[in-house]
């Protein structure tokens, strides 16, 4: 077989369920199954299917060999919707691949019996619905089917929805209370599907600690991560792996933040530090942040509000609470 340079898929430790019901998009999502290298060799395989246009999809498949002496395989192919299936027909790794996605099953084959056979899976964050502990500051209470109380936030133009979430509207919002060190900040966010958008235009928002240090929110499902993608610390560090779930899925952040320590003249004595879990996966581990990310020239502050950003997308938030450090 042609030698492939594998792009390692990060498969988070998430609750896993083989999907047997309908989806908002019947093809987009994650798949798992088997790669048949030939008539004898089989390997575990995964795939991500990303909507990148009206009825068009990019598919990245990876097979991992359990034999250290044998190489796996990674290909990227494309599909287009045709009725109730998505038809695959493109070249990758020097070979032509053909197949389909239908009824939650992805099949794609090439020459000499080489093929992938996978089933769609639904992954959810193990932290979804995490309840605030005793003594936590509840910033956005969540109860399914009940409009949330938005009184902890400054922008009352944001919408309280019947599903228990708060939706972005007419500018960013901040907490009325200011915080310094945070032992645990939990929040959940939901991104709409915007298949025609690219880069920073794809469901953009962010959560700012101390009103200065942003952890990016973006639809980064199936992407190679940069510092500007979901979980990124702008111009400081990209996530350690891509733990994003598909859009139209509730996702979670769990964050520990240590505010900067300042000298008496306002200069930085110790840099701010942050640890971030996205969907239960650690993507930053006690990372030093040398300067505010939104404005590198801003003067660091020991305390500040939490900000949720409006970037023109109908993103939803729910179940936000924190434990002070």
C-alpha atoms as a PDB file:
ATOM      1  CA  UNK A   1       0.000   0.000   0.000  1.00  0.00           C
ATOM      2  CA  UNK A   2       0.965   3.621  -0.465  1.00  0.00           C
ATOM      3  CA  UNK A   3       2.671   5.065   2.587  1.00  0.00           C
ATOM      4  CA  UNK A   4       0.382   7.568   4.385  1.00  0.00           C
ATOM      5  CA  UNK A   5       1.372  10.212   6.896  1.00  0.00           C
ATOM      6  CA  UNK A   6      -1.210   9.762   9.633  1.00  0.00           C
ATOM      7  CA  UNK A   7      -2.979  12.755  11.132  1.00  0.00           C
ATOM      8  CA  UNK A   8      -3.799  11.437  14.565  1.00  0.00           C
ATOM      9  CA  UNK A   9      -7.475  11.722  15.445  1.00  0.00           C
ATOM     10  CA  UNK A  10      -8.111  12.680  19.050  1.00  0.00           C
ATOM     11  CA  UNK A  11     -10.929  10.419  20.215  1.00  0.00           C
ATOM     12  CA  UNK A  12     -12.009  11.893  23.562  1.00  0.00           C
ATOM     13  CA  UNK A  13     -13.005   9.716  26.477  1.00  0.00           C
ATOM     14  CA  UNK A  14     -16.691  10.440  26.069  1.00  0.00           C
ATOM     15  CA  UNK A  15     -19.913   8.598  26.590  1.00  0.00           C
ATOM     16  CA  UNK A  16     -20.388   6.561  23.407  1.00  0.00           C
ATOM     17  CA  UNK A  17     -23.578   5.309  21.821  1.00  0.00           C
ATOM     18  CA  UNK A  18     -24.158   3.636  18.475  1.00  0.00           C
ATOM     19  CA  UNK A  19     -26.715   5.844  16.765  1.00  0.00           C
ATOM     20  CA  UNK A  20     -29.913   4.269  15.541  1.00  0.00           C
ATOM     21  CA  UNK A  21     -32.189   7.295  15.255  1.00  0.00           C
ATOM     22  CA  UNK A  22     -32.334  10.390  13.079  1.00  0.00           C
ATOM     23  CA  UNK A  23     -29.895  13.321  13.303  1.00  0.00           C
ATOM     24  CA  UNK A  24     -30.191  17.001  12.490  1.00  0.00           C
ATOM     25  CA  UNK A  25     -27.767  16.247   9.640  1.00  0.00           C
ATOM     26  CA  UNK A  26     -27.927  12.556   8.700  1.00  0.00           C
ATOM     27  CA  UNK A  27     -24.289  12.325   7.563  1.00  0.00           C
ATOM     28  CA  UNK A  28     -22.226  14.774   9.636  1.00  0.00           C
ATOM     29  CA  UNK A  29     -20.557  13.392  12.742  1.00  0.00           C
ATOM     30  CA  UNK A  30     -18.203  10.698  14.012  1.00  0.00           C
ATOM     31  CA  UNK A  31     -17.886   7.093  12.887  1.00  0.00           C
ATOM     32  CA  UNK A  32     -16.067   4.018  14.169  1.00  0.00           C
ATOM     33  CA  UNK A  33     -15.451   0.578  12.704  1.00  0.00           C
ATOM     34  CA  UNK A  34     -12.893  -1.405  10.743  1.00  0.00           C
ATOM     35  CA  UNK A  35     -10.303  -0.805   8.051  1.00  0.00           C
ATOM     36  CA  UNK A  36      -9.723  -3.815   5.809  1.00  0.00           C
ATOM     37  CA  UNK A  37      -6.210  -3.327   4.488  1.00  0.00           C
ATOM     38  CA  UNK A  38      -6.572  -6.455   2.362  1.00  0.00           C
ATOM     39  CA  UNK A  39      -8.224  -9.849   2.609  1.00  0.00           C
ATOM     40  CA  UNK A  40      -6.326 -10.685   5.819  1.00  0.00           C
ATOM     41  CA  UNK A  41      -5.305  -7.539   7.707  1.00  0.00           C
ATOM     42  CA  UNK A  42      -7.903  -5.541   9.664  1.00  0.00           C
ATOM     43  CA  UNK A  43      -7.429  -2.479  11.872  1.00  0.00           C
ATOM     44  CA  UNK A  44      -9.705  -0.330  14.074  1.00  0.00           C
ATOM     45  CA  UNK A  45     -10.744   2.820  12.252  1.00  0.00           C
ATOM     46  CA  UNK A  46     -12.480   6.122  12.915  1.00  0.00           C
ATOM     47  CA  UNK A  47     -13.811   8.923  10.723  1.00  0.00           C
ATOM     48  CA  UNK A  48     -15.166  12.437  10.969  1.00  0.00           C
ATOM     49  CA  UNK A  49     -17.657  13.766   8.443  1.00  0.00           C
ATOM     50  CA  UNK A  50     -17.772  17.566   8.303  1.00  0.00           C
ATOM     51  CA  UNK A  51     -20.453  19.558   6.474  1.00  0.00           C
ATOM     52  CA  UNK A  52     -18.648  22.107   4.310  1.00  0.00           C
ATOM     53  CA  UNK A  53     -21.379  23.379   2.007  1.00  0.00           C
ATOM     54  CA  UNK A  54     -24.920  22.718   1.005  1.00  0.00           C
ATOM     55  CA  UNK A  55     -25.023  18.916   0.662  1.00  0.00           C
ATOM     56  CA  UNK A  56     -21.213  18.635   0.511  1.00  0.00           C
ATOM     57  CA  UNK A  57     -18.984  16.867   3.046  1.00  0.00           C
ATOM     58  CA  UNK A  58     -15.308  16.421   3.834  1.00  0.00           C
ATOM     59  CA  UNK A  59     -14.437  13.017   5.315  1.00  0.00           C
ATOM     60  CA  UNK A  60     -11.225  12.149   7.160  1.00  0.00           C
ATOM     61  CA  UNK A  61     -10.680   8.468   7.894  1.00  0.00           C
ATOM     62  CA  UNK A  62      -7.914   6.962   9.985  1.00  0.00           C
ATOM     63  CA  UNK A  63      -6.900   3.381  10.678  1.00  0.00           C
ATOM     64  CA  UNK A  64      -4.508   2.590  13.529  1.00  0.00           C
ATOM     65  CA  UNK A  65      -2.355  -0.523  13.510  1.00  0.00           C
ATOM     66  CA  UNK A  66      -1.858  -2.450  16.750  1.00  0.00           C
ATOM     67  CA  UNK A  67       1.310  -3.914  15.249  1.00  0.00           C
ATOM     68  CA  UNK A  68       4.251  -1.511  15.772  1.00  0.00           C
ATOM     69  CA  UNK A  69       5.856  -2.936  12.644  1.00  0.00           C
ATOM     70  CA  UNK A  70       2.870  -2.203  10.440  1.00  0.00           C
ATOM     71  CA  UNK A  71       1.649   1.215   9.358  1.00  0.00           C
ATOM     72  CA  UNK A  72      -1.920   2.438   9.560  1.00  0.00           C
ATOM     73  CA  UNK A  73      -3.609   4.673   7.023  1.00  0.00           C
ATOM     74  CA  UNK A  74      -5.184   8.101   6.778  1.00  0.00           C
ATOM     75  CA  UNK A  75      -7.209   9.402   3.841  1.00  0.00           C
ATOM     76  CA  UNK A  76      -9.371  12.437   3.178  1.00  0.00           C
ATOM     77  CA  UNK A  77     -12.207  12.141   0.668  1.00  0.00           C
ATOM     78  CA  UNK A  78     -15.332  14.074  -0.269  1.00  0.00           C
ATOM     79  CA  UNK A  79     -19.022  13.276  -0.626  1.00  0.00           C
ATOM     80  CA  UNK A  80     -22.176  14.891  -1.978  1.00  0.00           C
ATOM     81  CA  UNK A  81     -25.745  14.242  -0.903  1.00  0.00           C
ATOM     82  CA  UNK A  82     -27.961  12.371  -3.321  1.00  0.00           C
ATOM     83  CA  UNK A  83     -31.396  11.816  -1.836  1.00  0.00           C
ATOM     84  CA  UNK A  84     -31.091   9.737   1.332  1.00  0.00           C
ATOM     85  CA  UNK A  85     -27.388   8.978   0.904  1.00  0.00           C
ATOM     86  CA  UNK A  86     -24.087  10.793   0.454  1.00  0.00           C
ATOM     87  CA  UNK A  87     -22.000   9.486  -2.430  1.00  0.00           C
ATOM     88  CA  UNK A  88     -18.216   9.333  -2.083  1.00  0.00           C
ATOM     89  CA  UNK A  89     -15.971   9.551  -5.132  1.00  0.00           C
ATOM     90  CA  UNK A  90     -12.505  11.108  -4.957  1.00  0.00           C
ATOM     91  CA  UNK A  91      -8.795  10.420  -4.856  1.00  0.00           C
ATOM     92  CA  UNK A  92      -6.552  10.240  -1.798  1.00  0.00           C
ATOM     93  CA  UNK A  93      -3.128   8.725  -1.221  1.00  0.00           C
ATOM     94  CA  UNK A  94      -2.729   8.002  -4.916  1.00  0.00           C
ATOM     95  CA  UNK A  95      -5.867   5.856  -5.189  1.00  0.00           C
ATOM     96  CA  UNK A  96      -9.472   6.389  -6.201  1.00  0.00           C
ATOM     97  CA  UNK A  97     -12.060   5.780  -3.456  1.00  0.00           C
ATOM     98  CA  UNK A  98     -15.767   5.233  -3.922  1.00  0.00           C
ATOM     99  CA  UNK A  99     -18.597   4.534  -1.512  1.00  0.00           C
ATOM    100  CA  UNK A 100     -21.503   6.010   0.378  1.00  0.00           C
ATOM    101  CA  UNK A 101     -22.962   7.087   3.698  1.00  0.00           C
ATOM    102  CA  UNK A 102     -26.461   5.782   4.273  1.00  0.00           C
ATOM    103  CA  UNK A 103     -28.572   4.891   7.309  1.00  0.00           C
ATOM    104  CA  UNK A 104     -25.698   5.638   9.685  1.00  0.00           C
ATOM    105  CA  UNK A 105     -23.177   3.464   7.864  1.00  0.00           C
ATOM    106  CA  UNK A 106     -20.083   4.709   6.039  1.00  0.00           C
ATOM    107  CA  UNK A 107     -18.511   2.404   3.434  1.00  0.00           C
ATOM    108  CA  UNK A 108     -15.662   3.420   1.156  1.00  0.00           C
ATOM    109  CA  UNK A 109     -13.389   1.162  -0.902  1.00  0.00           C
ATOM    110  CA  UNK A 110     -10.376   1.299  -3.198  1.00  0.00           C
ATOM    111  CA  UNK A 111      -8.213  -1.208  -5.081  1.00  0.00           C
ATOM    112  CA  UNK A 112      -7.131  -4.695  -3.971  1.00  0.00           C
ATOM    113  CA  UNK A 113      -9.946  -5.134  -1.457  1.00  0.00           C
ATOM    114  CA  UNK A 114      -8.935  -2.106   0.616  1.00  0.00           C
ATOM    115  CA  UNK A 115     -11.990  -0.636   2.345  1.00  0.00           C
ATOM    116  CA  UNK A 116     -13.402   1.120   5.421  1.00  0.00           C
ATOM    117  CA  UNK A 117     -16.624  -0.091   7.051  1.00  0.00           C
ATOM    118  CA  UNK A 118     -17.848   2.147   9.880  1.00  0.00           C
ATOM    119  CA  UNK A 119     -21.004   2.998  11.832  1.00  0.00           C
ATOM    120  CA  UNK A 120     -22.061   6.412  13.052  1.00  0.00           C
ATOM    121  CA  UNK A 121     -21.600   7.055  16.749  1.00  0.00           C
ATOM    122  CA  UNK A 122     -22.977   9.741  19.027  1.00  0.00           C
ATOM    123  CA  UNK A 123     -20.584  11.164  21.595  1.00  0.00           C
ATOM    124  CA  UNK A 124     -21.543  13.447  24.438  1.00  0.00           C
ATOM    125  CA  UNK A 125     -19.493  15.192  27.055  1.00  0.00           C
ATOM    126  CA  UNK A 126     -19.323  13.322  30.362  1.00  0.00           C
ATOM    127  CA  UNK A 127     -19.563  16.748  32.018  1.00  0.00           C
ATOM    128  CA  UNK A 128     -22.883  17.693  30.393  1.00  0.00           C
ATOM    129  CA  UNK A 129     -25.425  18.560  33.084  1.00  0.00           C
ATOM    130  CA  UNK A 130     -22.795  18.727  35.843  1.00  0.00           C
ATOM    131  CA  UNK A 131     -24.509  20.114  38.933  1.00  0.00           C
ATOM    132  CA  UNK A 132     -22.972  22.976  40.924  1.00  0.00           C
ATOM    133  CA  UNK A 133     -21.481  21.913  44.260  1.00  0.00           C
ATOM    134  CA  UNK A 134     -22.478  23.444  47.566  1.00  0.00           C
ATOM    135  CA  UNK A 135     -21.156  26.985  47.809  1.00  0.00           C
ATOM    136  CA  UNK A 136     -20.829  27.522  44.050  1.00  0.00           C
ATOM    137  CA  UNK A 137     -21.764  30.861  42.482  1.00  0.00           C
ATOM    138  CA  UNK A 138     -24.550  30.023  40.029  1.00  0.00           C
ATOM    139  CA  UNK A 139     -24.347  32.447  37.115  1.00  0.00           C
ATOM    140  CA  UNK A 140     -26.887  30.778  34.829  1.00  0.00           C
ATOM    141  CA  UNK A 141     -29.149  28.217  36.503  1.00  0.00           C
ATOM    142  CA  UNK A 142     -30.326  25.401  34.285  1.00  0.00           C
ATOM    143  CA  UNK A 143     -33.553  23.454  34.429  1.00  0.00           C
ATOM    144  CA  UNK A 144     -34.806  21.723  31.339  1.00  0.00           C
ATOM    145  CA  UNK A 145     -37.963  23.339  29.998  1.00  0.00           C
ATOM    146  CA  UNK A 146     -37.641  26.474  32.157  1.00  0.00           C
ATOM    147  CA  UNK A 147     -36.385  29.876  31.023  1.00  0.00           C
ATOM    148  CA  UNK A 148     -33.182  30.710  32.937  1.00  0.00           C
ATOM    149  CA  UNK A 149     -32.694  33.701  35.223  1.00  0.00           C
ATOM    150  CA  UNK A 150     -30.341  36.168  33.466  1.00  0.00           C
ATOM    151  CA  UNK A 151     -30.027  38.576  36.398  1.00  0.00           C
ATOM    152  CA  UNK A 152     -26.331  37.768  36.971  1.00  0.00           C
ATOM    153  CA  UNK A 153     -25.471  39.243  33.544  1.00  0.00           C
ATOM    154  CA  UNK A 154     -25.233  42.818  32.314  1.00  0.00           C
ATOM    155  CA  UNK A 155     -26.760  42.477  28.835  1.00  0.00           C
ATOM    156  CA  UNK A 156     -30.451  41.798  29.243  1.00  0.00           C
ATOM    157  CA  UNK A 157     -30.872  41.700  25.441  1.00  0.00           C
ATOM    158  CA  UNK A 158     -29.648  38.116  25.485  1.00  0.00           C
ATOM    159  CA  UNK A 159     -32.583  35.729  25.155  1.00  0.00           C
ATOM    160  CA  UNK A 160     -33.848  33.382  27.856  1.00  0.00           C
ATOM    161  CA  UNK A 161     -35.122  30.335  25.945  1.00  0.00           C
ATOM    162  CA  UNK A 162     -37.760  27.803  26.900  1.00  0.00           C
ATOM    163  CA  UNK A 163     -35.183  24.994  26.668  1.00  0.00           C
ATOM    164  CA  UNK A 164     -33.341  26.422  29.682  1.00  0.00           C
ATOM    165  CA  UNK A 165     -30.579  28.121  27.706  1.00  0.00           C
ATOM    166  CA  UNK A 166     -29.455  31.713  27.117  1.00  0.00           C
ATOM    167  CA  UNK A 167     -28.912  32.797  23.498  1.00  0.00           C
ATOM    168  CA  UNK A 168     -26.455  35.410  22.222  1.00  0.00           C
ATOM    169  CA  UNK A 169     -28.094  38.653  21.097  1.00  0.00           C
ATOM    170  CA  UNK A 170     -27.099  42.289  20.503  1.00  0.00           C
ATOM    171  CA  UNK A 171     -23.595  42.519  21.928  1.00  0.00           C
ATOM    172  CA  UNK A 172     -21.432  40.670  24.398  1.00  0.00           C
ATOM    173  CA  UNK A 173     -22.395  40.194  28.030  1.00  0.00           C
ATOM    174  CA  UNK A 174     -20.454  40.089  31.284  1.00  0.00           C
ATOM    175  CA  UNK A 175     -21.162  38.994  34.816  1.00  0.00           C
ATOM    176  CA  UNK A 176     -22.070  41.751  37.230  1.00  0.00           C
ATOM    177  CA  UNK A 177     -19.716  40.224  39.786  1.00  0.00           C
ATOM    178  CA  UNK A 178     -15.936  40.348  39.418  1.00  0.00           C
ATOM    179  CA  UNK A 179     -13.736  37.344  40.112  1.00  0.00           C
ATOM    180  CA  UNK A 180     -10.057  36.651  40.694  1.00  0.00           C
ATOM    181  CA  UNK A 181      -8.880  33.061  41.088  1.00  0.00           C
ATOM    182  CA  UNK A 182     -11.395  30.448  39.953  1.00  0.00           C
ATOM    183  CA  UNK A 183     -11.111  26.905  41.214  1.00  0.00           C
ATOM    184  CA  UNK A 184     -13.724  25.586  38.777  1.00  0.00           C
ATOM    185  CA  UNK A 185     -15.775  27.344  36.093  1.00  0.00           C
ATOM    186  CA  UNK A 186     -18.326  25.142  34.340  1.00  0.00           C
ATOM    187  CA  UNK A 187     -20.318  26.195  31.294  1.00  0.00           C
ATOM    188  CA  UNK A 188     -22.128  24.456  28.458  1.00  0.00           C
ATOM    189  CA  UNK A 189     -22.493  25.777  24.915  1.00  0.00           C
ATOM    190  CA  UNK A 190     -24.383  24.809  21.769  1.00  0.00           C
ATOM    191  CA  UNK A 191     -23.270  25.762  18.251  1.00  0.00           C
ATOM    192  CA  UNK A 192     -25.608  25.941  15.252  1.00  0.00           C
ATOM    193  CA  UNK A 193     -24.619  24.264  11.987  1.00  0.00           C
ATOM    194  CA  UNK A 194     -23.181  26.824   9.537  1.00  0.00           C
ATOM    195  CA  UNK A 195     -21.798  24.691   6.690  1.00  0.00           C
ATOM    196  CA  UNK A 196     -21.209  27.600   4.303  1.00  0.00           C
ATOM    197  CA  UNK A 197     -18.986  29.512   6.737  1.00  0.00           C
ATOM    198  CA  UNK A 198     -15.245  29.068   7.165  1.00  0.00           C
ATOM    199  CA  UNK A 199     -12.593  29.883   9.729  1.00  0.00           C
ATOM    200  CA  UNK A 200     -13.543  32.503  12.290  1.00  0.00           C
ATOM    201  CA  UNK A 201     -16.948  32.871  10.652  1.00  0.00           C
ATOM    202  CA  UNK A 202     -18.076  29.420  11.784  1.00  0.00           C
ATOM    203  CA  UNK A 203     -20.054  29.906  15.027  1.00  0.00           C
ATOM    204  CA  UNK A 204     -17.590  32.250  16.683  1.00  0.00           C
ATOM    205  CA  UNK A 205     -17.779  33.232  20.358  1.00  0.00           C
ATOM    206  CA  UNK A 206     -15.559  33.033  23.408  1.00  0.00           C
ATOM    207  CA  UNK A 207     -15.429  32.979  27.179  1.00  0.00           C
ATOM    208  CA  UNK A 208     -13.154  35.591  28.768  1.00  0.00           C
ATOM    209  CA  UNK A 209     -11.686  35.066  32.226  1.00  0.00           C
ATOM    210  CA  UNK A 210     -11.011  38.302  34.096  1.00  0.00           C
ATOM    211  CA  UNK A 211     -12.553  40.014  31.022  1.00  0.00           C
ATOM    212  CA  UNK A 212      -9.108  39.713  29.391  1.00  0.00           C
ATOM    213  CA  UNK A 213      -8.101  36.098  28.774  1.00  0.00           C
ATOM    214  CA  UNK A 214     -10.163  34.367  26.097  1.00  0.00           C
ATOM    215  CA  UNK A 215     -10.788  30.683  25.604  1.00  0.00           C
ATOM    216  CA  UNK A 216     -12.110  30.473  22.065  1.00  0.00           C
ATOM    217  CA  UNK A 217     -15.491  29.013  21.148  1.00  0.00           C
ATOM    218  CA  UNK A 218     -15.788  27.935  17.509  1.00  0.00           C
ATOM    219  CA  UNK A 219     -17.092  25.084  15.396  1.00  0.00           C
ATOM    220  CA  UNK A 220     -13.765  23.269  15.037  1.00  0.00           C
ATOM    221  CA  UNK A 221     -15.142  19.760  14.611  1.00  0.00           C
ATOM    222  CA  UNK A 222     -12.891  17.773  12.277  1.00  0.00           C
ATOM    223  CA  UNK A 223     -10.238  20.496  11.925  1.00  0.00           C
ATOM    224  CA  UNK A 224      -6.513  20.508  12.589  1.00  0.00           C
ATOM    225  CA  UNK A 225      -6.365  22.807  15.622  1.00  0.00           C
ATOM    226  CA  UNK A 226      -4.755  26.254  15.703  1.00  0.00           C
ATOM    227  CA  UNK A 227      -4.642  28.800  18.518  1.00  0.00           C
ATOM    228  CA  UNK A 228      -7.696  30.407  16.919  1.00  0.00           C
ATOM    229  CA  UNK A 229      -9.887  27.302  16.980  1.00  0.00           C
ATOM    230  CA  UNK A 230     -12.148  25.991  19.733  1.00  0.00           C
ATOM    231  CA  UNK A 231     -10.239  25.834  23.000  1.00  0.00           C
ATOM    232  CA  UNK A 232      -7.425  27.970  21.651  1.00  0.00           C
ATOM    233  CA  UNK A 233      -5.658  30.707  23.607  1.00  0.00           C
ATOM    234  CA  UNK A 234      -5.144  33.324  20.903  1.00  0.00           C
ATOM    235  CA  UNK A 235      -1.492  33.773  19.902  1.00  0.00           C
ATOM    236  CA  UNK A 236      -0.451  31.871  23.030  1.00  0.00           C
ATOM    237  CA  UNK A 237      -1.189  28.171  22.579  1.00  0.00           C
ATOM    238  CA  UNK A 238      -3.399  25.868  20.587  1.00  0.00           C
ATOM    239  CA  UNK A 239      -5.216  23.010  22.352  1.00  0.00           C
ATOM    240  CA  UNK A 240      -3.312  19.792  22.954  1.00  0.00           C
ATOM    241  CA  UNK A 241      -5.847  17.997  20.764  1.00  0.00           C
ATOM    242  CA  UNK A 242      -9.173  18.431  19.015  1.00  0.00           C
ATOM    243  CA  UNK A 243     -11.870  17.478  21.523  1.00  0.00           C
ATOM    244  CA  UNK A 244     -14.673  19.328  19.716  1.00  0.00           C
ATOM    245  CA  UNK A 245     -18.005  17.629  19.172  1.00  0.00           C
ATOM    246  CA  UNK A 246     -20.137  18.296  16.077  1.00  0.00           C
ATOM    247  CA  UNK A 247     -22.313  21.410  15.982  1.00  0.00           C
ATOM    248  CA  UNK A 248     -25.897  20.953  17.188  1.00  0.00           C
ATOM    249  CA  UNK A 249     -24.433  19.119  20.214  1.00  0.00           C
ATOM    250  CA  UNK A 250     -24.129  20.451  23.771  1.00  0.00           C
ATOM    251  CA  UNK A 251     -20.448  20.854  24.669  1.00  0.00           C
ATOM    252  CA  UNK A 252     -18.738  21.693  27.955  1.00  0.00           C
ATOM    253  CA  UNK A 253     -15.874  23.748  29.338  1.00  0.00           C
ATOM    254  CA  UNK A 254     -14.431  23.138  32.793  1.00  0.00           C
ATOM    255  CA  UNK A 255     -11.775  25.717  33.592  1.00  0.00           C
ATOM    256  CA  UNK A 256      -9.366  26.489  36.422  1.00  0.00           C
ATOM    257  CA  UNK A 257      -7.939  30.016  36.381  1.00  0.00           C
ATOM    258  CA  UNK A 258      -5.269  31.711  38.464  1.00  0.00           C
ATOM    259  CA  UNK A 259      -5.342  35.490  38.058  1.00  0.00           C
ATOM    260  CA  UNK A 260      -2.067  37.367  37.497  1.00  0.00           C
ATOM    261  CA  UNK A 261      -0.134  38.551  40.536  1.00  0.00           C
ATOM    262  CA  UNK A 262       0.873  42.185  40.282  1.00  0.00           C
ATOM    263  CA  UNK A 263       3.580  44.285  41.859  1.00  0.00           C
ATOM    264  CA  UNK A 264       2.660  47.478  43.704  1.00  0.00           C
ATOM    265  CA  UNK A 265       3.339  49.489  40.519  1.00  0.00           C
ATOM    266  CA  UNK A 266       0.926  47.350  38.486  1.00  0.00           C
ATOM    267  CA  UNK A 267       3.548  45.361  36.613  1.00  0.00           C
ATOM    268  CA  UNK A 268       3.173  41.593  36.398  1.00  0.00           C
ATOM    269  CA  UNK A 269       4.888  39.626  39.126  1.00  0.00           C
ATOM    270  CA  UNK A 270       3.391  36.255  38.147  1.00  0.00           C
ATOM    271  CA  UNK A 271       1.566  35.529  34.900  1.00  0.00           C
ATOM    272  CA  UNK A 272      -2.020  34.301  34.774  1.00  0.00           C
ATOM    273  CA  UNK A 273      -2.397  30.525  34.469  1.00  0.00           C
ATOM    274  CA  UNK A 274      -5.171  28.357  33.094  1.00  0.00           C
ATOM    275  CA  UNK A 275      -6.192  24.709  32.873  1.00  0.00           C
ATOM    276  CA  UNK A 276      -8.990  23.837  30.444  1.00  0.00           C
ATOM    277  CA  UNK A 277     -11.077  20.727  29.848  1.00  0.00           C
ATOM    278  CA  UNK A 278     -13.178  20.654  26.668  1.00  0.00           C
ATOM    279  CA  UNK A 279     -15.840  17.935  26.752  1.00  0.00           C
ATOM    280  CA  UNK A 280     -14.000  16.248  29.605  1.00  0.00           C
ATOM    281  CA  UNK A 281     -10.636  16.203  27.778  1.00  0.00           C
ATOM    282  CA  UNK A 282      -7.730  18.243  29.172  1.00  0.00           C
ATOM    283  CA  UNK A 283      -6.548  20.546  26.379  1.00  0.00           C
ATOM    284  CA  UNK A 284      -4.467  22.999  28.488  1.00  0.00           C
ATOM    285  CA  UNK A 285      -2.554  22.061  31.634  1.00  0.00           C
ATOM    286  CA  UNK A 286      -1.594  24.969  33.904  1.00  0.00           C
ATOM    287  CA  UNK A 287      -0.555  27.128  30.949  1.00  0.00           C
ATOM    288  CA  UNK A 288       1.001  30.534  31.643  1.00  0.00           C
ATOM    289  CA  UNK A 289      -0.660  33.375  29.720  1.00  0.00           C
ATOM    290  CA  UNK A 290       1.949  36.125  29.248  1.00  0.00           C
ATOM    291  CA  UNK A 291      -0.503  38.902  28.330  1.00  0.00           C
ATOM    292  CA  UNK A 292      -4.221  39.556  27.877  1.00  0.00           C
ATOM    293  CA  UNK A 293      -5.284  37.764  24.704  1.00  0.00           C
ATOM    294  CA  UNK A 294      -7.936  40.211  23.479  1.00  0.00           C
ATOM    295  CA  UNK A 295      -5.590  43.192  23.729  1.00  0.00           C
ATOM    296  CA  UNK A 296      -1.938  42.265  24.422  1.00  0.00           C
ATOM    297  CA  UNK A 297      -1.228  45.871  25.422  1.00  0.00           C
ATOM    298  CA  UNK A 298      -3.965  46.046  28.056  1.00  0.00           C
ATOM    299  CA  UNK A 299      -2.929  46.384  31.661  1.00  0.00           C
ATOM    300  CA  UNK A 300      -3.490  43.092  33.526  1.00  0.00           C
ATOM    301  CA  UNK A 301      -5.953  43.220  36.419  1.00  0.00           C
ATOM    302  CA  UNK A 302      -6.218  41.029  39.526  1.00  0.00           C
ATOM    303  CA  UNK A 303     -10.009  40.698  39.156  1.00  0.00           C
ATOM    304  CA  UNK A 304     -12.625  41.122  36.462  1.00  0.00           C
ATOM    305  CA  UNK A 305     -15.968  39.861  35.185  1.00  0.00           C
ATOM    306  CA  UNK A 306     -16.507  36.812  33.018  1.00  0.00           C
ATOM    307  CA  UNK A 307     -17.428  37.809  29.479  1.00  0.00           C
ATOM    308  CA  UNK A 308     -19.341  35.821  26.865  1.00  0.00           C
ATOM    309  CA  UNK A 309     -18.755  37.161  23.378  1.00  0.00           C
ATOM    310  CA  UNK A 310     -21.252  38.089  20.683  1.00  0.00           C
ATOM    311  CA  UNK A 311     -19.716  37.508  17.252  1.00  0.00           C
ATOM    312  CA  UNK A 312     -22.947  37.494  15.294  1.00  0.00           C
ATOM    313  CA  UNK A 313     -23.986  33.849  15.723  1.00  0.00           C
ATOM    314  CA  UNK A 314     -27.051  32.435  17.575  1.00  0.00           C
ATOM    315  CA  UNK A 315     -24.984  30.393  20.027  1.00  0.00           C
ATOM    316  CA  UNK A 316     -26.615  29.152  23.223  1.00  0.00           C
ATOM    317  CA  UNK A 317     -25.219  28.787  26.754  1.00  0.00           C
ATOM    318  CA  UNK A 318     -26.574  27.005  29.800  1.00  0.00           C
ATOM    319  CA  UNK A 319     -25.611  25.665  33.248  1.00  0.00           C
ATOM    320  CA  UNK A 320     -22.903  28.205  34.119  1.00  0.00           C
ATOM    321  CA  UNK A 321     -21.465  28.207  37.620  1.00  0.00           C
ATOM    322  CA  UNK A 322     -18.144  28.596  39.369  1.00  0.00           C
ATOM    323  CA  UNK A 323     -16.288  27.853  42.567  1.00  0.00           C
ATOM    324  CA  UNK A 324     -14.002  30.672  43.671  1.00  0.00           C
ATOM    325  CA  UNK A 325     -10.329  29.932  44.166  1.00  0.00           C
END
